[in-house]
């Protein structure tokens, strides 16, 4: 049985030894403009079969025009996709309740772009930090359950912030909650006009493997290592 699904990029398939693992959460994190949503759209475009794609868009980052650039079969992709667009953390919470109903159907892929946006806004205004974190933990555990029970990939994007003690280092929003929930972590960085993807965590591949790429109309393209 095939345990991976193609990423939509030969380069990222090479990084992940065939693609995203089907029964776990993969979290792709990095600064704005590093290519996170592009990877989501490429994955949608590459997704084969008739199963449904669930796309949870918390940032309004999904672009039909960008999807058209990536694939001429965008209409087929859209016809098998269900979109949720929460505008606050309470709506995101409600969507996860709806997801329990939807996921009983023929779901083949779940994308959450991004997990951080509404969580950060809620943390900024809430005095009950414990319960906000608890709710995020519940949502992540449910995504893990979906991945395992349905044997499908769940791909989550996440934002970063600078480490207070080390300005050259970045940390994921949500910290340990995301680290523990995700069996695969990929960090994206912008480097001298190009971008790099670094494998930070994986169940069967060594940490530290990296690739260099640039974003083009059709998706991404390999570039040589930047010094």
N, C-alpha and C. Protein backbone atom coordinates (compact mmCIF):
# COMPACT_ATOMS: atom_id res chain seq x y z
N UNK A 1 0.84 -1.20 0.00
CA UNK A 1 0.00 0.00 0.00
C UNK A 1 0.88 1.25 0.00
N UNK A 2 0.51 2.21 -0.85
CA UNK A 2 1.27 3.44 -0.94
C UNK A 2 1.02 4.27 0.31
N UNK A 3 2.10 4.62 1.01
CA UNK A 3 1.95 5.36 2.27
C UNK A 3 2.18 6.86 2.10
N UNK A 4 2.44 7.31 0.87
CA UNK A 4 2.70 8.72 0.61
C UNK A 4 1.86 9.24 -0.54
N UNK A 5 1.73 10.55 -0.59
CA UNK A 5 1.00 11.20 -1.67
C UNK A 5 1.90 12.28 -2.26
N UNK A 6 1.94 12.37 -3.58
CA UNK A 6 2.83 13.33 -4.25
C UNK A 6 2.53 14.76 -3.86
N UNK A 7 3.59 15.55 -3.74
CA UNK A 7 3.46 16.94 -3.31
C UNK A 7 3.07 17.89 -4.44
N UNK A 8 3.20 17.41 -5.69
CA UNK A 8 3.00 18.29 -6.83
C UNK A 8 4.30 18.87 -7.33
N UNK A 9 5.41 18.47 -6.71
CA UNK A 9 6.74 18.95 -7.09
C UNK A 9 7.73 17.80 -6.97
N UNK A 10 8.45 17.51 -8.06
CA UNK A 10 9.48 16.47 -8.01
C UNK A 10 10.52 16.78 -6.95
N UNK A 11 10.81 18.07 -6.78
CA UNK A 11 11.82 18.51 -5.82
C UNK A 11 11.38 18.20 -4.38
N UNK A 12 10.13 18.50 -4.05
CA UNK A 12 9.64 18.22 -2.70
C UNK A 12 9.38 16.73 -2.50
N UNK A 13 9.00 16.04 -3.58
CA UNK A 13 8.88 14.58 -3.48
C UNK A 13 10.23 13.97 -3.12
N UNK A 14 11.29 14.52 -3.69
CA UNK A 14 12.64 14.04 -3.39
C UNK A 14 13.00 14.32 -1.94
N UNK A 15 12.65 15.51 -1.45
CA UNK A 15 12.92 15.88 -0.06
C UNK A 15 12.24 14.91 0.90
N UNK A 16 11.02 14.50 0.55
CA UNK A 16 10.20 13.68 1.44
C UNK A 16 10.16 12.21 1.04
N UNK A 17 11.09 11.80 0.17
CA UNK A 17 11.20 10.40 -0.24
C UNK A 17 9.88 9.87 -0.80
N UNK A 18 9.24 10.70 -1.62
CA UNK A 18 8.02 10.25 -2.28
C UNK A 18 6.81 11.12 -2.04
N UNK A 19 6.82 11.94 -1.01
CA UNK A 19 5.70 12.85 -0.77
C UNK A 19 5.27 12.89 0.69
N UNK A 20 4.12 13.52 0.92
CA UNK A 20 3.58 13.65 2.26
C UNK A 20 3.06 12.30 2.75
N UNK A 21 3.35 11.97 3.99
CA UNK A 21 2.83 10.73 4.56
C UNK A 21 1.33 10.86 4.79
N UNK A 22 0.63 9.74 4.59
CA UNK A 22 -0.82 9.77 4.56
C UNK A 22 -1.49 9.83 5.94
N UNK A 23 -0.88 9.29 6.94
CA UNK A 23 -1.60 9.11 8.21
C UNK A 23 -1.14 10.04 9.32
N UNK A 24 -0.54 11.17 8.95
CA UNK A 24 -0.02 12.10 9.96
C UNK A 24 -0.28 13.55 9.55
N UNK A 25 -0.04 14.45 10.50
CA UNK A 25 -0.04 15.88 10.21
C UNK A 25 1.37 16.29 9.76
N UNK A 26 1.44 16.96 8.63
CA UNK A 26 2.68 17.62 8.20
C UNK A 26 2.49 19.11 8.36
N UNK A 27 3.39 19.76 9.07
CA UNK A 27 3.31 21.21 9.24
C UNK A 27 4.44 21.88 8.46
N UNK A 28 4.04 22.81 7.60
CA UNK A 28 4.99 23.61 6.81
C UNK A 28 4.95 25.02 7.39
N UNK A 29 6.08 25.50 7.89
CA UNK A 29 6.07 26.81 8.54
C UNK A 29 7.18 27.71 8.00
N UNK A 30 6.94 29.01 8.07
CA UNK A 30 7.93 29.96 7.58
C UNK A 30 7.33 31.35 7.52
N UNK A 31 8.16 32.35 7.18
CA UNK A 31 7.68 33.74 7.13
C UNK A 31 6.75 33.97 5.94
N UNK A 32 6.09 35.12 5.95
CA UNK A 32 5.21 35.49 4.84
C UNK A 32 6.00 35.50 3.53
N UNK A 33 5.39 34.97 2.47
CA UNK A 33 6.05 34.98 1.17
C UNK A 33 7.07 33.89 0.95
N UNK A 34 7.13 32.92 1.86
CA UNK A 34 8.14 31.86 1.72
C UNK A 34 7.66 30.70 0.87
N UNK A 35 6.36 30.66 0.54
CA UNK A 35 5.86 29.63 -0.36
C UNK A 35 4.88 28.65 0.25
N UNK A 36 4.38 28.92 1.45
CA UNK A 36 3.51 27.97 2.14
C UNK A 36 2.22 27.69 1.36
N UNK A 37 1.53 28.75 0.97
CA UNK A 37 0.27 28.56 0.24
C UNK A 37 0.51 27.96 -1.13
N UNK A 38 1.62 28.30 -1.76
CA UNK A 38 1.98 27.69 -3.05
C UNK A 38 2.05 26.18 -2.93
N UNK A 39 2.65 25.69 -1.85
CA UNK A 39 2.75 24.25 -1.65
C UNK A 39 1.37 23.63 -1.48
N UNK A 40 0.46 24.35 -0.81
CA UNK A 40 -0.91 23.86 -0.65
C UNK A 40 -1.61 23.74 -2.00
N UNK A 41 -1.47 24.76 -2.84
CA UNK A 41 -2.12 24.76 -4.14
C UNK A 41 -1.52 23.69 -5.06
N UNK A 42 -0.22 23.50 -4.98
CA UNK A 42 0.43 22.45 -5.78
C UNK A 42 -0.05 21.07 -5.36
N UNK A 43 -0.24 20.90 -4.06
CA UNK A 43 -0.74 19.62 -3.56
C UNK A 43 -2.16 19.37 -4.06
N UNK A 44 -3.00 20.40 -4.02
CA UNK A 44 -4.36 20.28 -4.54
C UNK A 44 -4.34 19.88 -6.01
N UNK A 45 -3.48 20.55 -6.79
CA UNK A 45 -3.40 20.30 -8.23
C UNK A 45 -2.94 18.88 -8.54
N UNK A 46 -2.07 18.34 -7.68
CA UNK A 46 -1.51 17.00 -7.91
C UNK A 46 -2.41 15.89 -7.39
N UNK A 47 -3.39 16.26 -6.57
CA UNK A 47 -4.22 15.26 -5.91
C UNK A 47 -5.08 14.53 -6.94
N UNK A 48 -4.95 13.23 -7.03
CA UNK A 48 -5.66 12.44 -8.04
C UNK A 48 -6.83 11.68 -7.41
N UNK A 49 -7.66 11.14 -8.26
CA UNK A 49 -8.81 10.39 -7.77
C UNK A 49 -10.01 11.28 -7.55
N UNK A 50 -11.10 10.68 -7.09
CA UNK A 50 -12.36 11.40 -6.94
C UNK A 50 -12.66 11.81 -5.50
N UNK A 51 -11.76 11.50 -4.60
CA UNK A 51 -12.01 11.85 -3.20
C UNK A 51 -11.98 13.37 -3.01
N UNK A 52 -12.60 13.81 -1.94
CA UNK A 52 -12.79 15.24 -1.69
C UNK A 52 -11.60 15.85 -0.95
N UNK A 53 -11.26 17.08 -1.35
CA UNK A 53 -10.24 17.88 -0.67
C UNK A 53 -10.95 18.87 0.25
N UNK A 54 -10.56 18.91 1.51
CA UNK A 54 -11.07 19.92 2.44
C UNK A 54 -9.98 20.98 2.62
N UNK A 55 -10.32 22.24 2.31
CA UNK A 55 -9.36 23.35 2.42
C UNK A 55 -9.93 24.36 3.40
N UNK A 56 -9.24 24.53 4.54
CA UNK A 56 -9.63 25.50 5.55
C UNK A 56 -8.72 26.72 5.41
N UNK A 57 -9.29 27.83 4.96
CA UNK A 57 -8.51 29.03 4.61
C UNK A 57 -8.78 30.12 5.64
N UNK A 58 -7.85 30.29 6.57
CA UNK A 58 -8.06 31.27 7.65
C UNK A 58 -7.50 32.65 7.30
N UNK A 59 -6.68 32.73 6.25
CA UNK A 59 -6.02 33.99 5.92
C UNK A 59 -6.54 34.63 4.63
N UNK A 60 -7.46 33.94 3.95
CA UNK A 60 -7.89 34.43 2.64
C UNK A 60 -6.79 34.30 1.61
N UNK A 61 -5.91 33.32 1.79
CA UNK A 61 -4.74 33.16 0.92
C UNK A 61 -5.03 32.37 -0.35
N UNK A 62 -6.13 31.60 -0.35
CA UNK A 62 -6.42 30.81 -1.54
C UNK A 62 -6.70 31.72 -2.73
N UNK A 63 -6.08 31.41 -3.87
CA UNK A 63 -6.26 32.20 -5.08
C UNK A 63 -6.58 31.29 -6.25
N UNK A 64 -7.76 31.46 -6.81
CA UNK A 64 -8.14 30.67 -7.99
C UNK A 64 -7.22 30.99 -9.16
N UNK A 65 -6.85 32.25 -9.29
CA UNK A 65 -5.96 32.64 -10.39
C UNK A 65 -4.61 31.94 -10.27
N UNK A 66 -4.12 31.82 -9.06
CA UNK A 66 -2.84 31.12 -8.86
C UNK A 66 -3.00 29.63 -9.17
N UNK A 67 -4.11 29.04 -8.78
CA UNK A 67 -4.37 27.64 -9.09
C UNK A 67 -4.42 27.43 -10.60
N UNK A 68 -5.01 28.38 -11.33
CA UNK A 68 -5.07 28.29 -12.79
C UNK A 68 -3.67 28.29 -13.41
N UNK A 69 -2.76 29.06 -12.81
CA UNK A 69 -1.38 29.09 -13.30
C UNK A 69 -0.70 27.74 -13.10
N UNK A 70 -1.02 27.09 -11.99
CA UNK A 70 -0.35 25.84 -11.63
C UNK A 70 -0.88 24.66 -12.43
N UNK A 71 -2.19 24.65 -12.70
CA UNK A 71 -2.78 23.50 -13.41
C UNK A 71 -3.88 23.92 -14.37
N UNK A 72 -3.88 23.36 -15.59
CA UNK A 72 -4.98 23.61 -16.52
C UNK A 72 -6.26 22.89 -16.09
N UNK A 73 -6.13 21.94 -15.18
CA UNK A 73 -7.28 21.16 -14.71
C UNK A 73 -7.89 21.75 -13.43
N UNK A 74 -7.80 23.06 -13.30
CA UNK A 74 -8.26 23.71 -12.07
C UNK A 74 -9.75 23.49 -11.81
N UNK A 75 -10.56 23.38 -12.89
CA UNK A 75 -11.99 23.18 -12.69
C UNK A 75 -12.27 21.83 -12.03
N UNK A 76 -11.53 20.81 -12.44
CA UNK A 76 -11.68 19.49 -11.83
C UNK A 76 -11.26 19.52 -10.36
N UNK A 77 -10.20 20.26 -10.07
CA UNK A 77 -9.72 20.40 -8.69
C UNK A 77 -10.79 21.08 -7.83
N UNK A 78 -11.36 22.17 -8.37
CA UNK A 78 -12.37 22.92 -7.62
C UNK A 78 -13.64 22.10 -7.40
N UNK A 79 -13.98 21.26 -8.37
CA UNK A 79 -15.22 20.49 -8.27
C UNK A 79 -15.17 19.45 -7.16
N UNK A 80 -13.97 19.05 -6.76
CA UNK A 80 -13.88 18.06 -5.68
C UNK A 80 -13.33 18.66 -4.38
N UNK A 81 -13.43 19.99 -4.27
CA UNK A 81 -12.92 20.68 -3.08
C UNK A 81 -14.04 21.32 -2.28
N UNK A 82 -13.93 21.23 -0.96
CA UNK A 82 -14.83 21.91 -0.04
C UNK A 82 -14.02 22.96 0.71
N UNK A 83 -14.50 24.21 0.71
CA UNK A 83 -13.77 25.29 1.36
C UNK A 83 -14.49 25.78 2.61
N UNK A 84 -13.69 26.01 3.65
CA UNK A 84 -14.17 26.67 4.86
C UNK A 84 -13.32 27.93 5.04
N UNK A 85 -13.98 29.05 5.39
CA UNK A 85 -13.24 30.31 5.52
C UNK A 85 -13.62 31.02 6.82
N UNK A 86 -13.13 30.52 7.95
CA UNK A 86 -13.43 31.16 9.23
C UNK A 86 -12.76 32.53 9.32
N UNK A 87 -13.41 33.45 10.01
CA UNK A 87 -12.85 34.81 10.16
C UNK A 87 -12.45 35.12 11.60
N UNK A 88 -12.75 34.21 12.53
CA UNK A 88 -12.29 34.38 13.91
C UNK A 88 -12.13 32.98 14.52
N UNK A 89 -11.54 32.94 15.70
CA UNK A 89 -11.21 31.65 16.31
C UNK A 89 -12.47 30.86 16.69
N UNK A 90 -13.53 31.57 17.04
CA UNK A 90 -14.80 30.89 17.37
C UNK A 90 -15.36 30.19 16.12
N UNK A 91 -15.28 30.86 14.98
CA UNK A 91 -15.74 30.24 13.73
C UNK A 91 -14.86 29.04 13.37
N UNK A 92 -13.56 29.18 13.63
CA UNK A 92 -12.66 28.06 13.37
C UNK A 92 -13.06 26.86 14.24
N UNK A 93 -13.40 27.14 15.49
CA UNK A 93 -13.85 26.08 16.40
C UNK A 93 -15.12 25.41 15.86
N UNK A 94 -16.07 26.21 15.36
CA UNK A 94 -17.32 25.68 14.81
C UNK A 94 -17.06 24.82 13.57
N UNK A 95 -16.09 25.25 12.76
CA UNK A 95 -15.76 24.50 11.55
C UNK A 95 -15.24 23.11 11.89
N UNK A 96 -14.49 23.01 12.97
CA UNK A 96 -13.98 21.69 13.36
C UNK A 96 -15.12 20.78 13.80
N UNK A 97 -16.19 21.36 14.32
CA UNK A 97 -17.38 20.56 14.64
C UNK A 97 -18.04 20.07 13.35
N UNK A 98 -18.12 20.95 12.35
CA UNK A 98 -18.69 20.56 11.05
C UNK A 98 -17.81 19.53 10.36
N UNK A 99 -16.51 19.66 10.57
CA UNK A 99 -15.56 18.76 9.92
C UNK A 99 -15.82 17.31 10.34
N UNK A 100 -16.29 17.13 11.55
CA UNK A 100 -16.59 15.78 12.04
C UNK A 100 -17.68 15.13 11.19
N UNK A 101 -18.62 15.95 10.70
CA UNK A 101 -19.68 15.43 9.84
C UNK A 101 -19.17 15.20 8.42
N UNK A 102 -18.45 16.18 7.90
CA UNK A 102 -17.94 16.11 6.52
C UNK A 102 -16.99 14.94 6.34
N UNK A 103 -16.16 14.69 7.34
CA UNK A 103 -15.09 13.72 7.19
C UNK A 103 -15.61 12.29 7.11
N UNK A 104 -16.87 12.09 7.45
CA UNK A 104 -17.47 10.77 7.30
C UNK A 104 -17.68 10.43 5.83
N UNK A 105 -17.63 11.47 4.98
CA UNK A 105 -17.78 11.26 3.55
C UNK A 105 -16.44 10.82 2.95
N UNK A 106 -16.34 10.94 1.65
CA UNK A 106 -15.18 10.41 0.92
C UNK A 106 -14.02 11.40 0.90
N UNK A 107 -13.44 11.69 2.06
CA UNK A 107 -12.37 12.68 2.16
C UNK A 107 -11.01 12.04 1.87
N UNK A 108 -10.21 12.73 1.05
CA UNK A 108 -8.89 12.19 0.72
C UNK A 108 -7.74 13.07 1.14
N UNK A 109 -8.03 14.34 1.53
CA UNK A 109 -6.97 15.28 1.87
C UNK A 109 -7.56 16.43 2.67
N UNK A 110 -6.84 16.85 3.72
CA UNK A 110 -7.24 18.04 4.50
C UNK A 110 -6.07 19.01 4.52
N UNK A 111 -6.35 20.28 4.18
CA UNK A 111 -5.34 21.34 4.21
C UNK A 111 -5.85 22.45 5.13
N UNK A 112 -5.03 22.89 6.06
CA UNK A 112 -5.35 24.02 6.93
C UNK A 112 -4.31 25.11 6.72
N UNK A 113 -4.72 26.22 6.09
CA UNK A 113 -3.81 27.31 5.74
C UNK A 113 -4.38 28.63 6.28
N UNK A 114 -3.96 29.12 7.46
CA UNK A 114 -2.96 28.52 8.32
C UNK A 114 -3.56 28.31 9.71
N UNK A 115 -2.85 27.54 10.51
CA UNK A 115 -3.31 27.26 11.87
C UNK A 115 -3.09 28.45 12.79
N UNK A 116 -2.22 29.38 12.39
CA UNK A 116 -1.75 30.43 13.30
C UNK A 116 -2.59 31.70 13.31
N UNK A 117 -3.14 32.06 12.16
CA UNK A 117 -3.74 33.38 11.98
C UNK A 117 -4.77 33.73 13.05
N UNK A 118 -5.82 32.95 13.12
CA UNK A 118 -6.92 33.28 14.05
C UNK A 118 -6.55 32.97 15.49
N UNK A 119 -5.66 31.99 15.66
CA UNK A 119 -5.15 31.66 17.00
C UNK A 119 -4.39 32.86 17.58
N UNK A 120 -3.54 33.46 16.76
CA UNK A 120 -2.76 34.62 17.22
C UNK A 120 -3.68 35.79 17.58
N UNK A 121 -4.68 36.01 16.75
CA UNK A 121 -5.62 37.10 17.03
C UNK A 121 -6.35 36.86 18.34
N UNK A 122 -6.75 35.62 18.57
CA UNK A 122 -7.47 35.28 19.80
C UNK A 122 -6.56 35.42 21.02
N UNK A 123 -5.31 35.00 20.88
CA UNK A 123 -4.35 35.13 21.98
C UNK A 123 -4.10 36.59 22.32
N UNK A 124 -4.17 37.44 21.30
CA UNK A 124 -3.91 38.86 21.51
C UNK A 124 -5.01 39.57 22.27
N UNK A 125 -6.22 39.04 22.20
CA UNK A 125 -7.34 39.72 22.86
C UNK A 125 -7.92 38.98 24.05
N UNK A 126 -7.55 37.71 24.20
CA UNK A 126 -8.14 36.90 25.26
C UNK A 126 -7.31 36.95 26.54
N UNK A 127 -8.02 36.94 27.67
CA UNK A 127 -7.34 36.86 28.96
C UNK A 127 -7.24 35.40 29.42
N UNK A 128 -7.93 34.52 28.68
CA UNK A 128 -7.96 33.12 29.06
C UNK A 128 -7.04 32.31 28.13
N UNK A 129 -5.75 32.52 28.27
CA UNK A 129 -4.76 31.89 27.40
C UNK A 129 -4.83 30.37 27.50
N UNK A 130 -5.07 29.88 28.70
CA UNK A 130 -5.12 28.42 28.90
C UNK A 130 -6.17 27.78 28.01
N UNK A 131 -7.37 28.34 28.00
CA UNK A 131 -8.46 27.73 27.23
C UNK A 131 -8.27 27.92 25.72
N UNK A 132 -7.63 29.00 25.30
CA UNK A 132 -7.33 29.17 23.87
C UNK A 132 -6.37 28.08 23.42
N UNK A 133 -5.34 27.86 24.22
CA UNK A 133 -4.37 26.79 23.91
C UNK A 133 -5.03 25.42 23.97
N UNK A 134 -5.92 25.24 24.94
CA UNK A 134 -6.62 23.97 25.06
C UNK A 134 -7.46 23.70 23.81
N UNK A 135 -8.16 24.72 23.32
CA UNK A 135 -8.98 24.56 22.12
C UNK A 135 -8.13 24.25 20.89
N UNK A 136 -6.98 24.93 20.76
CA UNK A 136 -6.09 24.63 19.64
C UNK A 136 -5.61 23.18 19.74
N UNK A 137 -5.29 22.74 20.95
CA UNK A 137 -4.86 21.35 21.15
C UNK A 137 -5.94 20.37 20.74
N UNK A 138 -7.20 20.68 21.05
CA UNK A 138 -8.32 19.82 20.66
C UNK A 138 -8.43 19.74 19.14
N UNK A 139 -8.29 20.89 18.47
CA UNK A 139 -8.38 20.92 17.01
C UNK A 139 -7.26 20.10 16.37
N UNK A 140 -6.06 20.23 16.90
CA UNK A 140 -4.92 19.48 16.35
C UNK A 140 -5.07 17.99 16.60
N UNK A 141 -5.57 17.63 17.77
CA UNK A 141 -5.74 16.20 18.07
C UNK A 141 -6.81 15.60 17.16
N UNK A 142 -7.82 16.40 16.81
CA UNK A 142 -8.84 15.90 15.90
C UNK A 142 -8.27 15.71 14.49
N UNK A 143 -7.42 16.63 14.05
CA UNK A 143 -6.76 16.47 12.75
C UNK A 143 -5.90 15.21 12.73
N UNK A 144 -5.20 14.95 13.83
CA UNK A 144 -4.39 13.73 13.94
C UNK A 144 -5.27 12.49 13.84
N UNK A 145 -6.42 12.56 14.49
CA UNK A 145 -7.35 11.43 14.46
C UNK A 145 -7.86 11.18 13.04
N UNK A 146 -8.20 12.26 12.34
CA UNK A 146 -8.65 12.14 10.94
C UNK A 146 -7.57 11.47 10.10
N UNK A 147 -6.33 11.96 10.24
CA UNK A 147 -5.22 11.42 9.45
C UNK A 147 -5.06 9.92 9.68
N UNK A 148 -5.11 9.52 10.94
CA UNK A 148 -4.91 8.11 11.28
C UNK A 148 -6.07 7.24 10.83
N UNK A 149 -7.28 7.65 11.18
CA UNK A 149 -8.45 6.81 10.91
C UNK A 149 -8.79 6.73 9.43
N UNK A 150 -8.62 7.85 8.71
CA UNK A 150 -8.94 7.86 7.28
C UNK A 150 -7.73 7.51 6.41
N UNK A 151 -6.55 7.42 7.06
CA UNK A 151 -5.30 7.16 6.34
C UNK A 151 -5.10 8.16 5.21
N UNK A 152 -5.21 9.43 5.56
CA UNK A 152 -5.04 10.51 4.58
C UNK A 152 -4.03 11.54 5.11
N UNK A 153 -3.42 12.30 4.21
CA UNK A 153 -2.51 13.35 4.66
C UNK A 153 -3.27 14.57 5.16
N UNK A 154 -2.79 15.16 6.23
CA UNK A 154 -3.29 16.45 6.71
C UNK A 154 -2.10 17.40 6.68
N UNK A 155 -2.21 18.45 5.87
CA UNK A 155 -1.12 19.41 5.72
C UNK A 155 -1.54 20.74 6.31
N UNK A 156 -0.74 21.23 7.23
CA UNK A 156 -1.03 22.46 7.97
C UNK A 156 0.09 23.46 7.71
N UNK A 157 -0.25 24.71 7.45
CA UNK A 157 0.78 25.74 7.37
C UNK A 157 0.77 26.56 8.66
N UNK A 158 1.92 27.17 8.95
CA UNK A 158 2.04 27.91 10.20
C UNK A 158 2.98 29.09 10.02
N UNK A 159 2.78 30.10 10.84
CA UNK A 159 3.61 31.30 10.82
C UNK A 159 4.77 31.15 11.81
N UNK A 160 5.68 32.11 11.76
CA UNK A 160 6.83 32.10 12.67
C UNK A 160 6.99 33.48 13.29
N UNK A 161 7.77 33.51 14.37
CA UNK A 161 8.15 34.78 14.98
C UNK A 161 9.60 34.68 15.44
N UNK A 162 10.24 35.81 15.63
CA UNK A 162 11.65 35.83 16.02
C UNK A 162 11.81 35.44 17.47
N UNK A 163 12.83 34.65 17.74
CA UNK A 163 13.19 34.28 19.11
C UNK A 163 13.68 35.52 19.84
N UNK A 164 13.13 35.78 21.03
CA UNK A 164 13.49 36.99 21.78
C UNK A 164 14.98 37.01 22.12
N UNK A 165 15.54 35.84 22.45
CA UNK A 165 16.94 35.77 22.86
C UNK A 165 17.91 35.61 21.69
N UNK A 166 17.39 35.16 20.55
CA UNK A 166 18.25 34.95 19.38
C UNK A 166 17.49 35.41 18.15
N UNK A 167 17.75 36.64 17.72
CA UNK A 167 16.99 37.25 16.64
C UNK A 167 17.15 36.52 15.31
N UNK A 168 18.23 35.74 15.16
CA UNK A 168 18.45 35.01 13.91
C UNK A 168 17.66 33.70 13.86
N UNK A 169 17.05 33.34 14.96
CA UNK A 169 16.31 32.08 15.04
C UNK A 169 14.81 32.37 15.05
N UNK A 170 14.03 31.52 14.40
CA UNK A 170 12.59 31.70 14.40
C UNK A 170 11.92 30.55 15.14
N UNK A 171 10.75 30.83 15.65
CA UNK A 171 9.96 29.80 16.33
C UNK A 171 8.58 29.73 15.69
N UNK A 172 8.00 28.54 15.72
CA UNK A 172 6.65 28.37 15.21
C UNK A 172 5.63 28.94 16.17
N UNK A 173 4.60 29.58 15.63
CA UNK A 173 3.45 29.97 16.45
C UNK A 173 2.80 28.67 16.96
N UNK A 174 2.41 28.67 18.21
CA UNK A 174 1.80 27.47 18.78
C UNK A 174 2.80 26.52 19.40
N UNK A 175 4.09 26.75 19.13
CA UNK A 175 5.18 26.02 19.78
C UNK A 175 5.01 24.53 19.90
N UNK A 176 5.07 24.06 21.13
CA UNK A 176 5.08 22.62 21.41
C UNK A 176 3.80 21.92 20.94
N UNK A 177 2.67 22.64 20.94
CA UNK A 177 1.42 22.04 20.48
C UNK A 177 1.57 21.52 19.06
N UNK A 178 2.19 22.34 18.20
CA UNK A 178 2.37 21.95 16.80
C UNK A 178 3.48 20.92 16.65
N UNK A 179 4.55 21.08 17.44
CA UNK A 179 5.67 20.14 17.35
C UNK A 179 5.25 18.73 17.70
N UNK A 180 4.47 18.59 18.75
CA UNK A 180 4.06 17.26 19.20
C UNK A 180 2.98 16.67 18.30
N UNK A 181 2.12 17.51 17.76
CA UNK A 181 1.03 17.01 16.91
C UNK A 181 1.51 16.60 15.53
N UNK A 182 2.58 17.23 15.06
CA UNK A 182 3.07 17.00 13.70
C UNK A 182 4.18 15.96 13.69
N UNK A 183 4.03 14.95 12.85
CA UNK A 183 5.08 13.94 12.68
C UNK A 183 6.10 14.37 11.64
N UNK A 184 5.74 15.39 10.85
CA UNK A 184 6.68 15.93 9.87
C UNK A 184 6.65 17.45 9.96
N UNK A 185 7.83 18.06 10.08
CA UNK A 185 7.97 19.51 10.14
C UNK A 185 8.90 19.97 9.03
N UNK A 186 8.44 20.92 8.24
CA UNK A 186 9.26 21.49 7.16
C UNK A 186 9.33 23.00 7.37
N UNK A 187 10.56 23.51 7.52
CA UNK A 187 10.73 24.96 7.68
C UNK A 187 11.11 25.58 6.34
N UNK A 188 10.40 26.63 5.96
CA UNK A 188 10.72 27.39 4.76
C UNK A 188 11.43 28.68 5.16
N UNK A 189 12.46 29.03 4.40
CA UNK A 189 13.18 30.27 4.64
C UNK A 189 13.40 30.99 3.31
N UNK A 190 13.51 32.32 3.39
CA UNK A 190 13.88 33.10 2.21
C UNK A 190 15.37 33.40 2.32
N UNK A 191 16.12 33.01 1.26
CA UNK A 191 17.59 33.13 1.30
C UNK A 191 18.09 33.77 0.02
N UNK A 192 18.59 35.00 0.12
CA UNK A 192 19.21 35.68 -1.03
C UNK A 192 18.36 35.63 -2.30
N UNK A 193 17.10 35.92 -2.17
CA UNK A 193 16.23 35.95 -3.33
C UNK A 193 15.63 34.61 -3.69
N UNK A 194 16.15 33.54 -3.13
CA UNK A 194 15.58 32.21 -3.35
C UNK A 194 14.90 31.75 -2.05
N UNK A 195 14.49 30.50 -2.03
CA UNK A 195 13.87 29.94 -0.84
C UNK A 195 14.45 28.58 -0.56
N UNK A 196 14.44 28.21 0.70
CA UNK A 196 14.93 26.89 1.06
C UNK A 196 13.89 26.19 1.93
N UNK A 197 13.81 24.88 1.78
CA UNK A 197 12.95 24.04 2.62
C UNK A 197 13.85 23.09 3.39
N UNK A 198 13.72 23.08 4.71
CA UNK A 198 14.57 22.26 5.57
C UNK A 198 13.69 21.27 6.33
N UNK A 199 14.04 20.01 6.23
CA UNK A 199 13.29 18.98 6.95
C UNK A 199 13.74 18.99 8.41
N UNK A 200 12.85 19.39 9.30
CA UNK A 200 13.18 19.54 10.72
C UNK A 200 12.78 18.31 11.55
N UNK A 201 11.82 17.55 11.04
CA UNK A 201 11.35 16.38 11.79
C UNK A 201 10.66 15.43 10.82
N UNK A 202 10.93 14.14 10.99
CA UNK A 202 10.28 13.13 10.16
C UNK A 202 10.41 11.78 10.84
N UNK A 203 9.45 10.92 10.61
CA UNK A 203 9.47 9.61 11.28
C UNK A 203 10.55 8.69 10.73
N UNK A 204 10.89 8.84 9.45
CA UNK A 204 11.82 7.87 8.84
C UNK A 204 12.96 8.49 8.06
N UNK A 205 13.02 9.82 8.01
CA UNK A 205 14.08 10.50 7.26
C UNK A 205 14.93 11.35 8.21
N UNK A 206 16.20 11.54 7.88
CA UNK A 206 17.08 12.32 8.76
C UNK A 206 16.73 13.80 8.76
N UNK A 207 16.87 14.43 9.92
CA UNK A 207 16.65 15.87 10.03
C UNK A 207 17.76 16.62 9.30
N UNK A 208 17.44 17.82 8.84
CA UNK A 208 18.46 18.69 8.28
C UNK A 208 18.57 18.69 6.78
N UNK A 209 17.95 17.72 6.11
CA UNK A 209 17.99 17.69 4.65
C UNK A 209 17.30 18.94 4.12
N UNK A 210 17.88 19.57 3.07
CA UNK A 210 17.27 20.78 2.57
C UNK A 210 17.35 20.89 1.05
N UNK A 211 16.45 21.67 0.49
CA UNK A 211 16.43 21.94 -0.94
C UNK A 211 16.28 23.44 -1.15
N UNK A 212 16.74 23.93 -2.30
CA UNK A 212 16.62 25.33 -2.65
C UNK A 212 15.72 25.46 -3.87
N UNK A 213 14.84 26.45 -3.85
CA UNK A 213 13.88 26.59 -4.94
C UNK A 213 13.46 28.04 -5.13
N UNK A 214 12.82 28.30 -6.25
CA UNK A 214 12.18 29.59 -6.47
C UNK A 214 10.77 29.34 -6.98
N UNK A 215 9.89 30.30 -6.74
CA UNK A 215 8.50 30.17 -7.17
C UNK A 215 8.36 30.68 -8.60
N UNK A 216 7.74 29.87 -9.45
CA UNK A 216 7.48 30.23 -10.84
C UNK A 216 5.98 30.06 -11.11
N UNK A 217 5.53 30.46 -12.31
CA UNK A 217 4.10 30.37 -12.63
C UNK A 217 3.54 28.98 -12.42
N UNK A 218 4.30 27.96 -12.86
CA UNK A 218 3.79 26.59 -12.81
C UNK A 218 3.92 25.95 -11.44
N UNK A 219 4.54 26.63 -10.51
CA UNK A 219 4.72 26.07 -9.17
C UNK A 219 6.04 26.50 -8.57
N UNK A 220 6.98 25.57 -8.50
CA UNK A 220 8.32 25.90 -8.03
C UNK A 220 9.36 25.25 -8.92
N UNK A 221 10.57 25.75 -8.83
CA UNK A 221 11.67 25.25 -9.65
C UNK A 221 12.93 25.17 -8.79
N UNK A 222 13.70 24.11 -8.99
CA UNK A 222 14.94 23.92 -8.23
C UNK A 222 15.96 24.98 -8.61
N UNK A 223 16.69 25.48 -7.63
CA UNK A 223 17.83 26.35 -7.87
C UNK A 223 19.03 25.77 -7.14
N UNK A 224 20.20 26.15 -7.56
CA UNK A 224 21.41 25.65 -6.90
C UNK A 224 21.56 26.30 -5.54
N UNK A 225 22.29 25.62 -4.67
CA UNK A 225 22.47 26.10 -3.29
C UNK A 225 23.07 27.48 -3.27
N UNK A 226 22.50 28.33 -2.42
CA UNK A 226 22.99 29.70 -2.26
C UNK A 226 24.03 29.77 -1.17
N UNK A 227 25.15 30.43 -1.45
CA UNK A 227 26.21 30.58 -0.45
C UNK A 227 25.96 31.83 0.39
